[in-house]
């Protein structure tokens, strides 16, 4: 059985990454508050005291106290974005999503430079149809006022990709690379974008671009195998890439198993397939995927009793995600017996 999910390989992501995961609360920046609203020294001190006390009250789950303190902050400086962000966090903790959304929205419009993330998350968590487009508009606006924020750029890249705007996603990656340079993360993002876009050849070209810099990178070689299979590449090219991986990581059991299964099911060297598969069941004798591969190779070699033994053992140890293929192999095996 080819498990198709390289344990050490990158995964092609078909959905947005965790709804742009929210960050922990940022530390207060009192100097920034003075720039947003001109407060007297005394009012600034009061504001800072109430804000930190409110944050601590939220952390201690003293929500009524936190609400009173944040209301004092609003009275002192109604345009403060971080106060509205704390109110949103408070309302989220109280289960009041409508008020939380309104607070995050107000925080963003008061401070689009810094208060874009929670508002974007709130939009994406909404069930309304236009919210994804609105989230993109929010992030684009934040990008205009803060064009060098790498975290913002990366989230914007992800959201463009999720929205199917692949050219824009790649353009944002260009901006990221202009800031920090081309690296493995950039290579992965570009490859992943082309893969989701349905352009496997361009995805492979991006993998090869990085492998030219780092030819011994097993992760990218594994990803190359997956992409080659998606692109329907010639068997020789697949075999050559498997050999490159095994030269670097000869005991990678997932690779050994998948290579053995490919050889066995595509008219390759059955003896070599058996040798590769033997290593996997030696190291993990109860792994149902590896047992299934070895049992099927035994069947293809005409060793039916051994095939029955290993396939039955595979089924005995099977989890739900692999059971169906093992059952299918057993049915084919037993069907052949009945025909004989």
Foldseek 3Di string as FASTA:
>chain_A
DQPLPQPLADDQDQAFDPLLDDDPQDDDDLVVLCVLPPADPVLSVLLVVLQVVLVVCVVVVVLVSNVVSLVSNCVSPVLALSSLQSVLVSCVVVVNLVSSLVSLVSSCVSPLQPSLRVNLSSLVPDPDPCSLVVNLVSLVVNCVVPVLPLSSLQSNLSSCLNVVVLVVSLVSLVSNCVNVHDDPVSLVSNLSSCVSNVNLVVSLVSLVVVCVVVVLPLRSLVVNLSSCVVVVHDVVVNLVSLVSNCVNVVLSLSSLLNNLLCQQVVVHDLVSSLVSLVSNCVVVVQALSSLQSNLVSCVSVVNLVSSVVSLVSSCVSDDPVCNVVSVVSVVVSVVVVVVD
